């Protein structure tokens, strides 16, 4: 989900934070390794991608970004339980890394834990947003909307369901479900 250009920024920042005086000329090698890992993941070569992400983690230190990319590789293989564990580890490494909480939300939804998915999404939405994450948060929020409305109706809270739908329509009149 994280675009290559945004990912390259994260890798560059991680490199700057962990670079040693003897590693000053290795930035281009680290960026090249990042591009290779991304290419492996984008072409479905998940084992090779995971090897590359783990190699980057050894160079850059354990970090939320590479851990999220590992989680993504498992999510793409529909291994939600493993992905969830890795996203939770990423959130533990950097509580403010919105991508980790978004990943947790997606995994929870895929596993049928809708309330946990909504809680993780709400946490991610409350964090500062950087890059393209706002768009992804909105998409996941709309995926969860039918469940939220149905739960409100099941609780006999029709007014709450209508209020939620009106709020969605006010922010996006083209939203088909609302």
N, C-alpha and C. Protein backbone atom coordinates (compact mmCIF):
# COMPACT_ATOMS: atom_id res chain seq x y z
N UNK A 1 0.80 -1.20 0.00
CA UNK A 1 0.00 0.00 0.00
C UNK A 1 0.84 1.26 0.00
N UNK A 2 1.96 1.22 0.66
CA UNK A 2 2.80 2.41 0.75
C UNK A 2 3.51 2.57 -0.60
N UNK A 3 3.34 3.72 -1.21
CA UNK A 3 3.93 3.94 -2.53
C UNK A 3 5.46 3.86 -2.47
N UNK A 4 6.04 3.58 -3.62
CA UNK A 4 7.50 3.50 -3.67
C UNK A 4 8.17 4.81 -3.30
N UNK A 5 7.64 5.92 -3.80
CA UNK A 5 8.28 7.21 -3.50
C UNK A 5 8.21 7.52 -2.01
N UNK A 6 7.05 7.26 -1.39
CA UNK A 6 6.93 7.49 0.05
C UNK A 6 7.83 6.52 0.82
N UNK A 7 7.89 5.28 0.36
CA UNK A 7 8.76 4.30 1.00
C UNK A 7 10.22 4.69 0.91
N UNK A 8 10.62 5.23 -0.22
CA UNK A 8 12.00 5.66 -0.39
C UNK A 8 12.35 6.77 0.60
N UNK A 9 11.39 7.65 0.86
CA UNK A 9 11.60 8.69 1.87
C UNK A 9 11.81 8.09 3.25
N UNK A 10 10.98 7.09 3.60
CA UNK A 10 11.12 6.43 4.91
C UNK A 10 12.48 5.76 5.03
N UNK A 11 12.87 5.04 3.98
CA UNK A 11 14.16 4.34 4.00
C UNK A 11 15.30 5.34 4.13
N UNK A 12 15.22 6.44 3.41
CA UNK A 12 16.25 7.46 3.47
C UNK A 12 16.36 8.05 4.88
N UNK A 13 15.21 8.31 5.51
CA UNK A 13 15.21 8.83 6.87
C UNK A 13 15.78 7.81 7.85
N UNK A 14 15.39 6.55 7.67
CA UNK A 14 15.92 5.50 8.55
C UNK A 14 17.43 5.37 8.38
N UNK A 15 17.88 5.46 7.14
CA UNK A 15 19.31 5.37 6.88
C UNK A 15 20.04 6.52 7.57
N UNK A 16 19.52 7.73 7.43
CA UNK A 16 20.15 8.90 8.05
C UNK A 16 20.21 8.76 9.57
N UNK A 17 19.17 8.18 10.14
CA UNK A 17 19.12 8.03 11.60
C UNK A 17 20.09 6.95 12.11
N UNK A 18 20.38 5.95 11.28
CA UNK A 18 21.20 4.83 11.73
C UNK A 18 22.56 4.75 11.07
N UNK A 19 22.87 5.67 10.16
CA UNK A 19 24.15 5.60 9.45
C UNK A 19 25.31 5.85 10.40
N UNK A 20 26.32 5.06 10.23
CA UNK A 20 27.55 5.24 10.99
C UNK A 20 28.55 5.99 10.11
N UNK A 21 29.57 6.58 10.70
CA UNK A 21 30.54 7.32 9.88
C UNK A 21 31.18 6.46 8.78
N UNK A 22 31.31 5.16 9.01
CA UNK A 22 31.92 4.29 8.00
C UNK A 22 30.94 3.88 6.92
N UNK A 23 29.66 4.16 7.11
CA UNK A 23 28.64 3.72 6.16
C UNK A 23 28.12 4.86 5.30
N UNK A 24 28.82 6.00 5.29
CA UNK A 24 28.31 7.16 4.57
C UNK A 24 28.07 6.91 3.09
N UNK A 25 28.87 6.11 2.42
CA UNK A 25 28.70 5.88 1.00
C UNK A 25 27.71 4.79 0.66
N UNK A 26 27.06 4.21 1.65
CA UNK A 26 26.16 3.08 1.42
C UNK A 26 24.72 3.47 1.17
N UNK A 27 24.41 4.76 1.21
CA UNK A 27 23.02 5.19 1.03
C UNK A 27 22.46 4.66 -0.29
N UNK A 28 23.21 4.78 -1.37
CA UNK A 28 22.70 4.33 -2.68
C UNK A 28 22.48 2.82 -2.68
N UNK A 29 23.30 2.07 -1.96
CA UNK A 29 23.11 0.62 -1.88
C UNK A 29 21.84 0.28 -1.10
N UNK A 30 21.59 1.02 -0.06
CA UNK A 30 20.38 0.79 0.74
C UNK A 30 19.14 1.13 -0.09
N UNK A 31 19.18 2.23 -0.82
CA UNK A 31 18.05 2.61 -1.67
C UNK A 31 17.85 1.55 -2.76
N UNK A 32 18.94 1.05 -3.32
CA UNK A 32 18.84 0.02 -4.35
C UNK A 32 18.23 -1.26 -3.75
N UNK A 33 18.64 -1.63 -2.55
CA UNK A 33 18.07 -2.80 -1.89
C UNK A 33 16.57 -2.60 -1.64
N UNK A 34 16.18 -1.38 -1.27
CA UNK A 34 14.78 -1.06 -1.08
C UNK A 34 14.01 -1.26 -2.39
N UNK A 35 14.55 -0.77 -3.47
CA UNK A 35 13.87 -0.89 -4.77
C UNK A 35 13.73 -2.35 -5.18
N UNK A 36 14.75 -3.14 -4.91
CA UNK A 36 14.68 -4.58 -5.23
C UNK A 36 13.63 -5.27 -4.37
N UNK A 37 13.62 -4.97 -3.09
CA UNK A 37 12.61 -5.56 -2.19
C UNK A 37 11.21 -5.19 -2.67
N UNK A 38 11.02 -3.94 -3.05
CA UNK A 38 9.71 -3.50 -3.54
C UNK A 38 9.33 -4.24 -4.82
N UNK A 39 10.28 -4.38 -5.72
CA UNK A 39 10.01 -5.07 -6.98
C UNK A 39 9.63 -6.53 -6.72
N UNK A 40 10.36 -7.20 -5.83
CA UNK A 40 10.01 -8.58 -5.49
C UNK A 40 8.57 -8.65 -4.96
N UNK A 41 8.23 -7.74 -4.07
CA UNK A 41 6.90 -7.77 -3.48
C UNK A 41 5.83 -7.47 -4.53
N UNK A 42 6.09 -6.51 -5.38
CA UNK A 42 5.11 -6.12 -6.39
C UNK A 42 4.90 -7.21 -7.44
N UNK A 43 5.88 -8.08 -7.61
CA UNK A 43 5.77 -9.14 -8.62
C UNK A 43 5.43 -10.49 -8.01
N UNK A 44 5.05 -10.49 -6.75
CA UNK A 44 4.58 -11.72 -6.12
C UNK A 44 5.67 -12.67 -5.66
N UNK A 45 6.89 -12.20 -5.61
CA UNK A 45 8.00 -13.03 -5.12
C UNK A 45 8.20 -12.74 -3.63
N UNK A 46 7.25 -13.21 -2.84
CA UNK A 46 7.17 -12.80 -1.45
C UNK A 46 8.32 -13.30 -0.58
N UNK A 47 8.78 -14.51 -0.81
CA UNK A 47 9.91 -15.01 -0.01
C UNK A 47 11.15 -14.16 -0.25
N UNK A 48 11.40 -13.82 -1.51
CA UNK A 48 12.55 -12.98 -1.84
C UNK A 48 12.37 -11.58 -1.26
N UNK A 49 11.15 -11.07 -1.31
CA UNK A 49 10.86 -9.75 -0.74
C UNK A 49 11.13 -9.75 0.76
N UNK A 50 10.66 -10.80 1.44
CA UNK A 50 10.86 -10.88 2.89
C UNK A 50 12.35 -10.97 3.24
N UNK A 51 13.09 -11.71 2.45
CA UNK A 51 14.54 -11.80 2.66
C UNK A 51 15.16 -10.40 2.54
N UNK A 52 14.73 -9.65 1.53
CA UNK A 52 15.27 -8.31 1.32
C UNK A 52 14.85 -7.36 2.45
N UNK A 53 13.58 -7.44 2.90
CA UNK A 53 13.14 -6.57 4.00
C UNK A 53 13.92 -6.89 5.28
N UNK A 54 14.15 -8.17 5.52
CA UNK A 54 14.91 -8.55 6.71
C UNK A 54 16.36 -8.08 6.61
N UNK A 55 16.93 -8.13 5.41
CA UNK A 55 18.30 -7.63 5.21
C UNK A 55 18.35 -6.12 5.48
N UNK A 56 17.36 -5.41 5.00
CA UNK A 56 17.30 -3.96 5.26
C UNK A 56 17.15 -3.68 6.76
N UNK A 57 16.39 -4.52 7.43
CA UNK A 57 16.21 -4.35 8.88
C UNK A 57 17.54 -4.52 9.60
N UNK A 58 18.36 -5.44 9.13
CA UNK A 58 19.68 -5.64 9.76
C UNK A 58 20.55 -4.40 9.58
N UNK A 59 20.44 -3.76 8.44
CA UNK A 59 21.25 -2.57 8.17
C UNK A 59 20.70 -1.35 8.90
N UNK A 60 19.37 -1.19 8.90
CA UNK A 60 18.74 0.02 9.43
C UNK A 60 18.28 -0.12 10.88
N UNK A 61 18.37 -1.30 11.42
CA UNK A 61 17.83 -1.55 12.76
C UNK A 61 16.36 -1.88 12.66
N UNK A 62 15.84 -2.53 13.67
CA UNK A 62 14.42 -2.89 13.65
C UNK A 62 13.60 -1.61 13.61
N UNK A 63 12.66 -1.55 12.70
CA UNK A 63 11.87 -0.34 12.52
C UNK A 63 10.46 -0.68 12.05
N UNK A 64 9.56 0.25 12.25
CA UNK A 64 8.14 0.03 11.91
C UNK A 64 7.93 -0.10 10.41
N UNK A 65 8.67 0.66 9.63
CA UNK A 65 8.45 0.64 8.18
C UNK A 65 8.76 -0.74 7.59
N UNK A 66 9.95 -1.26 7.82
CA UNK A 66 10.31 -2.57 7.25
C UNK A 66 9.43 -3.68 7.81
N UNK A 67 9.04 -3.55 9.07
CA UNK A 67 8.15 -4.54 9.67
C UNK A 67 6.78 -4.50 9.00
N UNK A 68 6.31 -3.31 8.66
CA UNK A 68 5.04 -3.19 7.92
C UNK A 68 5.17 -3.80 6.53
N UNK A 69 6.29 -3.61 5.89
CA UNK A 69 6.47 -4.18 4.55
C UNK A 69 6.51 -5.72 4.63
N UNK A 70 7.11 -6.26 5.67
CA UNK A 70 7.06 -7.71 5.89
C UNK A 70 5.61 -8.15 6.06
N UNK A 71 4.87 -7.40 6.88
CA UNK A 71 3.46 -7.73 7.11
C UNK A 71 2.67 -7.68 5.81
N UNK A 72 2.92 -6.67 4.99
CA UNK A 72 2.24 -6.56 3.70
C UNK A 72 2.45 -7.80 2.86
N UNK A 73 3.67 -8.32 2.88
CA UNK A 73 3.96 -9.50 2.05
C UNK A 73 3.10 -10.69 2.48
N UNK A 74 2.90 -10.84 3.78
CA UNK A 74 2.03 -11.92 4.26
C UNK A 74 0.56 -11.62 3.97
N UNK A 75 0.18 -10.36 4.09
CA UNK A 75 -1.20 -9.98 3.79
C UNK A 75 -1.52 -10.26 2.33
N UNK A 76 -0.58 -9.99 1.45
CA UNK A 76 -0.78 -10.26 0.03
C UNK A 76 -0.93 -11.76 -0.26
N UNK A 77 -0.36 -12.58 0.61
CA UNK A 77 -0.51 -14.03 0.49
C UNK A 77 -1.72 -14.55 1.26
N UNK A 78 -2.52 -13.63 1.77
CA UNK A 78 -3.72 -13.95 2.53
C UNK A 78 -3.42 -14.71 3.83
N UNK A 79 -2.31 -14.37 4.44
CA UNK A 79 -1.93 -14.93 5.74
C UNK A 79 -2.13 -13.83 6.79
N UNK A 80 -3.40 -13.57 7.08
CA UNK A 80 -3.77 -12.44 7.93
C UNK A 80 -3.26 -12.55 9.36
N UNK A 81 -3.19 -13.76 9.89
CA UNK A 81 -2.75 -13.93 11.28
C UNK A 81 -1.28 -13.53 11.43
N UNK A 82 -0.45 -13.97 10.50
CA UNK A 82 0.97 -13.61 10.54
C UNK A 82 1.13 -12.11 10.30
N UNK A 83 0.38 -11.59 9.32
CA UNK A 83 0.44 -10.15 9.02
C UNK A 83 0.03 -9.33 10.24
N UNK A 84 -1.04 -9.75 10.92
CA UNK A 84 -1.51 -9.03 12.10
C UNK A 84 -0.43 -8.96 13.17
N UNK A 85 0.23 -10.07 13.41
CA UNK A 85 1.30 -10.11 14.41
C UNK A 85 2.41 -9.11 14.05
N UNK A 86 2.78 -9.07 12.77
CA UNK A 86 3.83 -8.15 12.34
C UNK A 86 3.38 -6.69 12.40
N UNK A 87 2.14 -6.42 12.02
CA UNK A 87 1.63 -5.05 12.13
C UNK A 87 1.61 -4.60 13.59
N UNK A 88 1.23 -5.51 14.49
CA UNK A 88 1.23 -5.17 15.91
C UNK A 88 2.64 -4.90 16.41
N UNK A 89 3.60 -5.67 15.91
CA UNK A 89 5.00 -5.43 16.28
C UNK A 89 5.44 -4.06 15.76
N UNK A 90 5.05 -3.73 14.52
CA UNK A 90 5.40 -2.42 13.96
C UNK A 90 4.81 -1.29 14.79
N UNK A 91 3.55 -1.45 15.22
CA UNK A 91 2.92 -0.43 16.06
C UNK A 91 3.65 -0.30 17.38
N UNK A 92 4.17 -1.40 17.90
CA UNK A 92 4.94 -1.35 19.13
C UNK A 92 6.28 -0.65 18.94
N UNK A 93 6.83 -0.74 17.75
CA UNK A 93 8.11 -0.07 17.46
C UNK A 93 7.93 1.43 17.29
N UNK A 94 6.78 1.83 16.75
CA UNK A 94 6.50 3.26 16.54
C UNK A 94 4.98 3.44 16.64
N UNK A 95 4.53 3.84 17.79
CA UNK A 95 3.10 3.98 18.05
C UNK A 95 2.44 4.99 17.11
N UNK A 96 3.21 5.95 16.60
CA UNK A 96 2.68 6.98 15.73
C UNK A 96 2.74 6.62 14.25
N UNK A 97 3.12 5.41 13.92
CA UNK A 97 3.21 4.99 12.52
C UNK A 97 1.83 4.52 12.06
N UNK A 98 1.11 5.41 11.42
CA UNK A 98 -0.28 5.16 11.04
C UNK A 98 -0.44 3.92 10.18
N UNK A 99 0.54 3.63 9.33
CA UNK A 99 0.43 2.47 8.44
C UNK A 99 0.29 1.17 9.23
N UNK A 100 0.94 1.09 10.38
CA UNK A 100 0.85 -0.13 11.21
C UNK A 100 -0.59 -0.31 11.71
N UNK A 101 -1.20 0.77 12.17
CA UNK A 101 -2.57 0.68 12.69
C UNK A 101 -3.57 0.42 11.56
N UNK A 102 -3.31 0.98 10.40
CA UNK A 102 -4.16 0.69 9.24
C UNK A 102 -4.05 -0.79 8.89
N UNK A 103 -2.84 -1.33 8.91
CA UNK A 103 -2.65 -2.76 8.63
C UNK A 103 -3.36 -3.63 9.65
N UNK A 104 -3.29 -3.25 10.92
CA UNK A 104 -4.00 -3.99 11.96
C UNK A 104 -5.49 -3.99 11.66
N UNK A 105 -6.02 -2.84 11.28
CA UNK A 105 -7.44 -2.73 10.97
C UNK A 105 -7.83 -3.65 9.82
N UNK A 106 -7.04 -3.64 8.76
CA UNK A 106 -7.33 -4.49 7.60
C UNK A 106 -7.31 -5.97 8.00
N UNK A 107 -6.30 -6.37 8.75
CA UNK A 107 -6.21 -7.77 9.17
C UNK A 107 -7.40 -8.16 10.05
N UNK A 108 -7.74 -7.30 10.98
CA UNK A 108 -8.87 -7.59 11.87
C UNK A 108 -10.16 -7.74 11.07
N UNK A 109 -10.35 -6.87 10.09
CA UNK A 109 -11.56 -6.96 9.26
C UNK A 109 -11.57 -8.27 8.49
N UNK A 110 -10.44 -8.64 7.92
CA UNK A 110 -10.37 -9.89 7.17
C UNK A 110 -10.62 -11.11 8.05
N UNK A 111 -10.29 -10.99 9.32
CA UNK A 111 -10.49 -12.09 10.25
C UNK A 111 -11.87 -12.04 10.91
N UNK A 112 -12.69 -11.06 10.53
CA UNK A 112 -14.05 -10.97 11.04
C UNK A 112 -14.19 -10.24 12.36
N UNK A 113 -13.14 -9.60 12.83
CA UNK A 113 -13.17 -8.86 14.10
C UNK A 113 -13.45 -7.38 13.79
N UNK A 114 -14.69 -7.08 13.47
CA UNK A 114 -15.07 -5.77 12.97
C UNK A 114 -14.86 -4.66 14.01
N UNK A 115 -15.21 -4.92 15.24
CA UNK A 115 -15.04 -3.88 16.27
C UNK A 115 -13.56 -3.57 16.48
N UNK A 116 -12.72 -4.60 16.52
CA UNK A 116 -11.29 -4.37 16.64
C UNK A 116 -10.75 -3.63 15.42
N UNK A 117 -11.29 -3.94 14.24
CA UNK A 117 -10.88 -3.24 13.02
C UNK A 117 -11.24 -1.76 13.11
N UNK A 118 -12.44 -1.47 13.59
CA UNK A 118 -12.87 -0.08 13.73
C UNK A 118 -12.02 0.66 14.75
N UNK A 119 -11.68 0.00 15.85
CA UNK A 119 -10.85 0.63 16.88
C UNK A 119 -9.46 0.97 16.35
N UNK A 120 -8.87 0.04 15.62
CA UNK A 120 -7.54 0.30 15.04
C UNK A 120 -7.60 1.41 14.01
N UNK A 121 -8.65 1.40 13.21
CA UNK A 121 -8.82 2.46 12.21
C UNK A 121 -8.98 3.82 12.89
N UNK A 122 -9.78 3.88 13.94
CA UNK A 122 -9.98 5.15 14.66
C UNK A 122 -8.66 5.65 15.23
N UNK A 123 -7.84 4.74 15.74
CA UNK A 123 -6.54 5.13 16.28
C UNK A 123 -5.67 5.71 15.17
N UNK A 124 -5.65 5.04 14.03
CA UNK A 124 -4.84 5.51 12.89
C UNK A 124 -5.33 6.87 12.41
N UNK A 125 -6.65 7.06 12.40
CA UNK A 125 -7.21 8.34 11.94
C UNK A 125 -6.88 9.48 12.89
N UNK A 126 -6.66 9.17 14.16
CA UNK A 126 -6.36 10.20 15.16
C UNK A 126 -4.90 10.65 15.10
N UNK A 127 -4.05 9.86 14.46
CA UNK A 127 -2.63 10.19 14.38
C UNK A 127 -2.37 11.22 13.28
N UNK A 128 -1.25 11.94 13.39
CA UNK A 128 -0.89 12.86 12.30
C UNK A 128 -0.72 12.07 11.00
N UNK A 129 -1.16 12.66 9.91
CA UNK A 129 -1.10 11.97 8.62
C UNK A 129 0.02 12.55 7.77
N UNK A 130 0.77 11.66 7.16
CA UNK A 130 1.88 12.06 6.31
C UNK A 130 1.81 11.21 5.05
N UNK A 131 1.94 11.84 3.92
CA UNK A 131 1.93 11.07 2.67
C UNK A 131 0.53 10.67 2.25
N UNK A 132 0.42 9.49 1.71
CA UNK A 132 -0.81 9.02 1.08
C UNK A 132 -1.76 8.28 2.03
N UNK A 133 -1.45 8.23 3.28
CA UNK A 133 -2.24 7.39 4.18
C UNK A 133 -3.69 7.87 4.33
N UNK A 134 -3.93 9.16 4.24
CA UNK A 134 -5.30 9.67 4.42
C UNK A 134 -6.26 9.02 3.43
N UNK A 135 -5.81 8.85 2.20
CA UNK A 135 -6.64 8.22 1.17
C UNK A 135 -6.95 6.77 1.54
N UNK A 136 -5.97 6.05 2.03
CA UNK A 136 -6.17 4.65 2.41
C UNK A 136 -7.06 4.52 3.65
N UNK A 137 -6.90 5.44 4.58
CA UNK A 137 -7.76 5.43 5.77
C UNK A 137 -9.22 5.63 5.37
N UNK A 138 -9.46 6.51 4.43
CA UNK A 138 -10.82 6.77 3.96
C UNK A 138 -11.40 5.53 3.29
N UNK A 139 -10.61 4.84 2.48
CA UNK A 139 -11.08 3.64 1.80
C UNK A 139 -11.47 2.55 2.80
N UNK A 140 -10.63 2.33 3.80
CA UNK A 140 -10.92 1.31 4.80
C UNK A 140 -12.14 1.72 5.62
N UNK A 141 -12.25 2.99 5.92
CA UNK A 141 -13.41 3.48 6.66
C UNK A 141 -14.71 3.19 5.90
N UNK A 142 -14.69 3.40 4.60
CA UNK A 142 -15.89 3.13 3.79
C UNK A 142 -16.17 1.62 3.70
N UNK A 143 -15.13 0.80 3.72
CA UNK A 143 -15.33 -0.65 3.73
C UNK A 143 -16.02 -1.10 5.01
N UNK A 144 -15.73 -0.41 6.11
CA UNK A 144 -16.32 -0.78 7.41
C UNK A 144 -17.69 -0.14 7.64
N UNK A 145 -18.07 0.83 6.83
CA UNK A 145 -19.32 1.56 7.04
C UNK A 145 -20.55 0.66 7.12
N UNK A 146 -20.75 -0.29 6.20
CA UNK A 146 -21.95 -1.14 6.31
C UNK A 146 -22.04 -1.88 7.65
N UNK A 147 -20.90 -2.35 8.15
CA UNK A 147 -20.90 -3.05 9.44
C UNK A 147 -21.30 -2.12 10.58
N UNK A 148 -20.79 -0.87 10.54
CA UNK A 148 -21.14 0.08 11.60
C UNK A 148 -22.63 0.40 11.56
N UNK A 149 -23.17 0.60 10.38
CA UNK A 149 -24.61 0.92 10.25
C UNK A 149 -25.44 -0.27 10.72
N UNK A 150 -25.11 -1.47 10.28
CA UNK A 150 -25.86 -2.66 10.68
C UNK A 150 -25.81 -2.88 12.18
N UNK A 151 -24.66 -2.62 12.80
CA UNK A 151 -24.54 -2.79 14.24
C UNK A 151 -25.43 -1.78 14.97
N UNK A 152 -25.46 -0.53 14.49
CA UNK A 152 -26.33 0.48 15.10
C UNK A 152 -27.80 0.10 14.97
N UNK A 153 -28.18 -0.41 13.81
CA UNK A 153 -29.57 -0.83 13.61
C UNK A 153 -29.90 -2.02 14.50
N UNK A 154 -28.97 -2.97 14.62
CA UNK A 154 -29.19 -4.14 15.49
C UNK A 154 -29.34 -3.72 16.95
N UNK A 155 -28.70 -2.61 17.33
CA UNK A 155 -28.82 -2.09 18.69
C UNK A 155 -30.04 -1.17 18.83
N UNK A 156 -30.87 -1.15 17.78
CA UNK A 156 -32.08 -0.33 17.75
C UNK A 156 -31.76 1.16 17.87
N UNK A 157 -30.61 1.54 17.33
CA UNK A 157 -30.19 2.94 17.33
C UNK A 157 -30.28 3.48 15.90
N UNK A 158 -31.51 3.55 15.41
CA UNK A 158 -31.73 4.04 14.03
C UNK A 158 -31.28 5.49 13.88
N UNK A 159 -31.49 6.28 14.92
CA UNK A 159 -31.08 7.69 14.86
C UNK A 159 -29.56 7.79 14.70
N UNK A 160 -28.83 6.94 15.43
CA UNK A 160 -27.37 6.92 15.31
C UNK A 160 -26.92 6.49 13.93
N UNK A 161 -27.62 5.49 13.36
CA UNK A 161 -27.29 5.02 12.01
C UNK A 161 -27.54 6.12 10.99
N UNK A 162 -28.68 6.80 11.12
CA UNK A 162 -28.99 7.90 10.20
C UNK A 162 -28.00 9.05 10.34
N UNK A 163 -27.65 9.37 11.57
CA UNK A 163 -26.68 10.44 11.81
C UNK A 163 -25.34 10.11 11.15
N UNK A 164 -24.91 8.87 11.28
CA UNK A 164 -23.67 8.44 10.65
C UNK A 164 -23.75 8.55 9.14
N UNK A 165 -24.85 8.10 8.57
CA UNK A 165 -25.03 8.17 7.12
C UNK A 165 -25.10 9.61 6.63
N UNK A 166 -25.81 10.48 7.37
CA UNK A 166 -25.87 11.90 6.99
C UNK A 166 -24.46 12.52 7.03
N UNK A 167 -23.73 12.19 8.06
CA UNK A 167 -22.36 12.72 8.19
C UNK A 167 -21.51 12.30 6.98
N UNK A 168 -21.62 11.05 6.58
CA UNK A 168 -20.87 10.56 5.43
C UNK A 168 -21.33 11.30 4.17
N UNK A 169 -22.63 11.45 3.99
CA UNK A 169 -23.14 12.14 2.81
C UNK A 169 -22.74 13.61 2.76
N UNK A 170 -22.66 14.24 3.91
CA UNK A 170 -22.23 15.64 3.94
C UNK A 170 -20.77 15.78 3.49
N UNK A 171 -19.95 14.82 3.89
CA UNK A 171 -18.54 14.89 3.51
C UNK A 171 -18.30 14.37 2.10
N UNK A 172 -19.19 13.47 1.62
CA UNK A 172 -19.02 12.91 0.29
C UNK A 172 -20.40 12.55 -0.27
N UNK A 173 -21.04 13.49 -0.97
CA UNK A 173 -22.40 13.23 -1.50
C UNK A 173 -22.43 12.08 -2.53
N UNK A 174 -21.30 11.71 -3.06
CA UNK A 174 -21.24 10.64 -4.07
C UNK A 174 -21.09 9.25 -3.44
N UNK A 175 -20.98 9.16 -2.13
CA UNK A 175 -20.76 7.89 -1.46
C UNK A 175 -21.99 7.01 -1.69
N UNK A 176 -21.80 5.94 -2.45
CA UNK A 176 -22.92 5.12 -2.91
C UNK A 176 -23.65 4.40 -1.78
N UNK A 177 -22.96 3.83 -0.83
CA UNK A 177 -23.63 3.09 0.23
C UNK A 177 -24.50 4.02 1.07
N UNK A 178 -23.95 5.16 1.44
CA UNK A 178 -24.72 6.09 2.27
C UNK A 178 -25.94 6.59 1.53
